[in-house]
Amino acid sequence: MEGDEAIPANRTDHKVLHWLDRFGWAELAGIAGSYGGWLAASALLAGPALGPAYGAAMGENCGYYAVIFLRDWRAAPPASRSARRTLGAMIHDFGLAEVLDSLAVRPGLTLLAVSLLGAGWGVGAGKLAADVVFYLLAIMFYERRRQREGRR
């Protein structure tokens, strides 16, 4: 209709939708990997739940980063598509967040949540709590890289 103009999207809304688009499918793969890692480590390791907590963290990493890598690699123009470049961008965006997440935050919060809620709910609750810490850092670095690339 005449006079109907699209209302410009709020910048924050646009960023949130962009982040959901970028990270959403990876999160779904991460959730599946987290439960798979917990179950596999529980079956293989006898003893305290710390082993399965790390198994959940590693399983999540496998699912999550496989999706991020494939998506970013496929999004690059074919002439400049490079596994090395894609991995370099991923290290920039996730490096610090991932080191803290994998070594302490995610296993610790998973172990705490499982001890409070049991494995069924605890693996998921620990994952969600750790995601808050992870994304605070990862989004900060991702946005910094996007701004730097936008200036080129």
C-alpha atoms as a PDB file:
ATOM      1  CA  MET A   1       0.000   0.000   0.000  1.00  0.00           C
ATOM      2  CA  GLU A   2       1.031   3.529  -0.626  1.00  0.00           C
ATOM      3  CA  GLY A   3       2.572   5.203   2.383  1.00  0.00           C
ATOM      4  CA  ASP A   4       3.394   1.926   4.125  1.00  0.00           C
ATOM      5  CA  GLU A   5       7.071   1.928   4.836  1.00  0.00           C
ATOM      6  CA  ALA A   6       9.018  -0.719   6.594  1.00  0.00           C
ATOM      7  CA  ILE A   7       9.808   0.320  10.122  1.00  0.00           C
ATOM      8  CA  PRO A   8      13.569   0.325  10.510  1.00  0.00           C
ATOM      9  CA  ALA A   9      14.721  -2.454  12.771  1.00  0.00           C
ATOM     10  CA  ASN A  10      16.188  -1.461  16.085  1.00  0.00           C
ATOM     11  CA  ARG A  11      19.953  -1.990  15.961  1.00  0.00           C
ATOM     12  CA  THR A  12      19.873  -4.161  19.088  1.00  0.00           C
ATOM     13  CA  ASP A  13      17.027  -6.279  17.702  1.00  0.00           C
ATOM     14  CA  HIS A  14      18.959  -6.704  14.473  1.00  0.00           C
ATOM     15  CA  LYS A  15      22.077  -7.850  16.355  1.00  0.00           C
ATOM     16  CA  VAL A  16      20.128 -10.312  18.481  1.00  0.00           C
ATOM     17  CA  LEU A  17      18.521 -11.815  15.371  1.00  0.00           C
ATOM     18  CA  HIS A  18      21.953 -11.999  13.726  1.00  0.00           C
ATOM     19  CA  TRP A  19      23.423 -13.757  16.781  1.00  0.00           C
ATOM     20  CA  LEU A  20      20.519 -16.219  16.877  1.00  0.00           C
ATOM     21  CA  ASP A  21      21.025 -16.939  13.198  1.00  0.00           C
ATOM     22  CA  ARG A  22      24.779 -17.386  13.639  1.00  0.00           C
ATOM     23  CA  PHE A  23      24.775 -19.385  16.862  1.00  0.00           C
ATOM     24  CA  GLY A  24      21.347 -21.091  16.982  1.00  0.00           C
ATOM     25  CA  TRP A  25      22.046 -24.199  14.873  1.00  0.00           C
ATOM     26  CA  ALA A  26      25.437 -24.586  16.504  1.00  0.00           C
ATOM     27  CA  GLU A  27      23.730 -24.523  19.894  1.00  0.00           C
ATOM     28  CA  LEU A  28      21.352 -27.298  18.875  1.00  0.00           C
ATOM     29  CA  ALA A  29      24.291 -29.428  17.753  1.00  0.00           C
ATOM     30  CA  GLY A  30      26.080 -28.512  20.993  1.00  0.00           C
ATOM     31  CA  ILE A  31      23.150 -29.650  23.131  1.00  0.00           C
ATOM     32  CA  ALA A  32      23.086 -33.029  21.383  1.00  0.00           C
ATOM     33  CA  GLY A  33      26.860 -33.306  21.738  1.00  0.00           C
ATOM     34  CA  SER A  34      26.694 -32.372  25.415  1.00  0.00           C
ATOM     35  CA  TYR A  35      24.303 -35.190  26.280  1.00  0.00           C
ATOM     36  CA  GLY A  36      26.195 -37.581  24.000  1.00  0.00           C
ATOM     37  CA  GLY A  37      29.485 -36.683  25.663  1.00  0.00           C
ATOM     38  CA  TRP A  38      27.997 -37.112  29.140  1.00  0.00           C
ATOM     39  CA  LEU A  39      26.551 -40.526  28.263  1.00  0.00           C
ATOM     40  CA  ALA A  40      29.716 -41.741  26.532  1.00  0.00           C
ATOM     41  CA  ALA A  41      31.996 -40.639  29.363  1.00  0.00           C
ATOM     42  CA  SER A  42      29.611 -42.103  31.953  1.00  0.00           C
ATOM     43  CA  ALA A  43      29.731 -45.457  30.165  1.00  0.00           C
ATOM     44  CA  LEU A  44      33.517 -45.418  29.777  1.00  0.00           C
ATOM     45  CA  LEU A  45      34.614 -43.922  33.087  1.00  0.00           C
ATOM     46  CA  ALA A  46      33.863 -45.309  36.517  1.00  0.00           C
ATOM     47  CA  GLY A  47      34.077 -42.993  39.486  1.00  0.00           C
ATOM     48  CA  PRO A  48      33.155 -39.394  40.158  1.00  0.00           C
ATOM     49  CA  ALA A  49      31.022 -37.308  37.799  1.00  0.00           C
ATOM     50  CA  LEU A  50      33.930 -35.025  36.913  1.00  0.00           C
ATOM     51  CA  GLY A  51      34.860 -37.253  33.942  1.00  0.00           C
ATOM     52  CA  PRO A  52      31.365 -37.147  32.464  1.00  0.00           C
ATOM     53  CA  ALA A  53      31.226 -33.371  33.098  1.00  0.00           C
ATOM     54  CA  TYR A  54      34.316 -32.953  30.915  1.00  0.00           C
ATOM     55  CA  GLY A  55      32.809 -35.443  28.441  1.00  0.00           C
ATOM     56  CA  ALA A  56      29.726 -33.227  28.177  1.00  0.00           C
ATOM     57  CA  ALA A  57      31.915 -30.157  27.585  1.00  0.00           C
ATOM     58  CA  MET A  58      33.956 -31.901  24.883  1.00  0.00           C
ATOM     59  CA  GLY A  59      30.864 -33.372  23.215  1.00  0.00           C
ATOM     60  CA  GLU A  60      29.308 -29.940  23.075  1.00  0.00           C
ATOM     61  CA  ASN A  61      32.461 -28.488  21.539  1.00  0.00           C
ATOM     62  CA  CYS A  62      32.470 -31.094  18.783  1.00  0.00           C
ATOM     63  CA  GLY A  63      28.885 -30.421  17.743  1.00  0.00           C
ATOM     64  CA  TYR A  64      29.027 -26.650  18.183  1.00  0.00           C
ATOM     65  CA  TYR A  65      32.278 -25.950  16.361  1.00  0.00           C
ATOM     66  CA  ALA A  66      31.528 -28.351  13.510  1.00  0.00           C
ATOM     67  CA  VAL A  67      28.441 -26.290  12.684  1.00  0.00           C
ATOM     68  CA  ILE A  68      30.249 -22.941  13.094  1.00  0.00           C
ATOM     69  CA  PHE A  69      33.140 -24.087  10.900  1.00  0.00           C
ATOM     70  CA  LEU A  70      30.957 -25.477   8.119  1.00  0.00           C
ATOM     71  CA  ARG A  71      28.707 -22.441   8.106  1.00  0.00           C
ATOM     72  CA  ASP A  72      31.534 -19.894   8.056  1.00  0.00           C
ATOM     73  CA  TRP A  73      33.544 -21.853   5.491  1.00  0.00           C
ATOM     74  CA  ARG A  74      30.540 -22.161   3.168  1.00  0.00           C
ATOM     75  CA  ALA A  75      29.678 -18.452   3.605  1.00  0.00           C
ATOM     76  CA  ALA A  76      33.094 -17.352   2.316  1.00  0.00           C
ATOM     77  CA  PRO A  77      33.325 -16.523  -1.383  1.00  0.00           C
ATOM     78  CA  PRO A  78      34.526 -19.667  -3.211  1.00  0.00           C
ATOM     79  CA  ALA A  79      37.669 -17.934  -4.487  1.00  0.00           C
ATOM     80  CA  SER A  80      38.785 -17.060  -0.955  1.00  0.00           C
ATOM     81  CA  ARG A  81      37.393 -20.103   0.857  1.00  0.00           C
ATOM     82  CA  SER A  82      40.084 -21.401   3.166  1.00  0.00           C
ATOM     83  CA  ALA A  83      40.000 -23.743   6.134  1.00  0.00           C
ATOM     84  CA  ARG A  84      42.947 -21.860   7.600  1.00  0.00           C
ATOM     85  CA  ARG A  85      41.194 -18.481   7.340  1.00  0.00           C
ATOM     86  CA  THR A  86      37.988 -19.931   8.785  1.00  0.00           C
ATOM     87  CA  LEU A  87      39.856 -21.493  11.703  1.00  0.00           C
ATOM     88  CA  GLY A  88      41.746 -18.236  12.312  1.00  0.00           C
ATOM     89  CA  ALA A  89      38.484 -16.292  12.568  1.00  0.00           C
ATOM     90  CA  MET A  90      37.078 -18.935  14.907  1.00  0.00           C
ATOM     91  CA  ILE A  91      40.151 -18.737  17.142  1.00  0.00           C
ATOM     92  CA  HIS A  92      39.780 -14.965  17.308  1.00  0.00           C
ATOM     93  CA  ASP A  93      36.076 -15.112  18.082  1.00  0.00           C
ATOM     94  CA  PHE A  94      36.083 -18.033  20.517  1.00  0.00           C
ATOM     95  CA  GLY A  95      39.664 -18.542  21.750  1.00  0.00           C
ATOM     96  CA  LEU A  96      39.640 -16.898  25.183  1.00  0.00           C
ATOM     97  CA  ALA A  97      36.005 -17.771  25.835  1.00  0.00           C
ATOM     98  CA  GLU A  98      36.653 -21.400  24.897  1.00  0.00           C
ATOM     99  CA  VAL A  99      39.747 -21.844  27.047  1.00  0.00           C
ATOM    100  CA  LEU A 100      37.936 -20.566  30.138  1.00  0.00           C
ATOM    101  CA  ASP A 101      34.785 -22.448  29.193  1.00  0.00           C
ATOM    102  CA  SER A 102      36.380 -25.833  28.514  1.00  0.00           C
ATOM    103  CA  LEU A 103      38.852 -25.904  31.361  1.00  0.00           C
ATOM    104  CA  ALA A 104      36.774 -24.534  34.211  1.00  0.00           C
ATOM    105  CA  VAL A 105      33.408 -22.878  33.646  1.00  0.00           C
ATOM    106  CA  ARG A 106      31.450 -25.532  31.717  1.00  0.00           C
ATOM    107  CA  PRO A 107      32.668 -28.645  33.568  1.00  0.00           C
ATOM    108  CA  GLY A 108      32.300 -26.869  36.918  1.00  0.00           C
ATOM    109  CA  LEU A 109      28.791 -25.640  36.262  1.00  0.00           C
ATOM    110  CA  THR A 110      27.779 -28.983  34.740  1.00  0.00           C
ATOM    111  CA  LEU A 111      29.083 -30.845  37.784  1.00  0.00           C
ATOM    112  CA  LEU A 112      27.307 -28.431  40.131  1.00  0.00           C
ATOM    113  CA  ALA A 113      24.021 -28.633  38.232  1.00  0.00           C
ATOM    114  CA  VAL A 114      24.136 -32.439  37.982  1.00  0.00           C
ATOM    115  CA  SER A 115      24.826 -32.718  41.712  1.00  0.00           C
ATOM    116  CA  LEU A 116      21.792 -30.510  42.413  1.00  0.00           C
ATOM    117  CA  LEU A 117      19.371 -31.711  39.728  1.00  0.00           C
ATOM    118  CA  GLY A 118      20.575 -35.123  38.547  1.00  0.00           C
ATOM    119  CA  ALA A 119      21.950 -35.863  35.081  1.00  0.00           C
ATOM    120  CA  GLY A 120      18.662 -35.492  33.187  1.00  0.00           C
ATOM    121  CA  TRP A 121      18.161 -31.817  34.010  1.00  0.00           C
ATOM    122  CA  GLY A 122      21.618 -30.996  35.310  1.00  0.00           C
ATOM    123  CA  VAL A 123      23.529 -31.446  32.041  1.00  0.00           C
ATOM    124  CA  GLY A 124      21.168 -29.004  30.334  1.00  0.00           C
ATOM    125  CA  ALA A 125      21.082 -26.541  33.230  1.00  0.00           C
ATOM    126  CA  GLY A 126      24.883 -26.555  33.517  1.00  0.00           C
ATOM    127  CA  LYS A 127      25.152 -26.002  29.776  1.00  0.00           C
ATOM    128  CA  LEU A 128      22.795 -23.011  29.855  1.00  0.00           C
ATOM    129  CA  ALA A 129      24.576 -21.421  32.813  1.00  0.00           C
ATOM    130  CA  ALA A 130      27.959 -21.858  31.134  1.00  0.00           C
ATOM    131  CA  ASP A 131      26.593 -20.450  27.865  1.00  0.00           C
ATOM    132  CA  VAL A 132      25.896 -17.120  29.558  1.00  0.00           C
ATOM    133  CA  VAL A 133      29.564 -16.742  30.518  1.00  0.00           C
ATOM    134  CA  PHE A 134      30.778 -18.064  27.160  1.00  0.00           C
ATOM    135  CA  TYR A 135      28.624 -15.745  25.042  1.00  0.00           C
ATOM    136  CA  LEU A 136      29.510 -12.636  27.002  1.00  0.00           C
ATOM    137  CA  LEU A 137      33.093 -13.122  25.848  1.00  0.00           C
ATOM    138  CA  ALA A 138      32.489 -14.707  22.430  1.00  0.00           C
ATOM    139  CA  ILE A 139      30.050 -12.051  21.223  1.00  0.00           C
ATOM    140  CA  MET A 140      32.377  -9.280  22.391  1.00  0.00           C
ATOM    141  CA  PHE A 141      35.246 -10.680  20.290  1.00  0.00           C
ATOM    142  CA  TYR A 142      32.988 -11.532  17.337  1.00  0.00           C
ATOM    143  CA  GLU A 143      31.566  -8.006  17.193  1.00  0.00           C
ATOM    144  CA  ARG A 144      35.051  -6.524  17.496  1.00  0.00           C
ATOM    145  CA  ARG A 145      36.204  -8.573  14.498  1.00  0.00           C
ATOM    146  CA  ARG A 146      33.117  -7.593  12.497  1.00  0.00           C
ATOM    147  CA  GLN A 147      33.752  -3.908  13.210  1.00  0.00           C
ATOM    148  CA  ARG A 148      37.396  -4.231  12.226  1.00  0.00           C
ATOM    149  CA  GLU A 149      36.482  -6.037   8.985  1.00  0.00           C
ATOM    150  CA  GLY A 150      33.810  -3.420   8.253  1.00  0.00           C
ATOM    151  CA  ARG A 151      36.448  -0.671   8.286  1.00  0.00           C
ATOM    152  CA  ARG A 152      38.417  -2.388   5.524  1.00  0.00           C
END
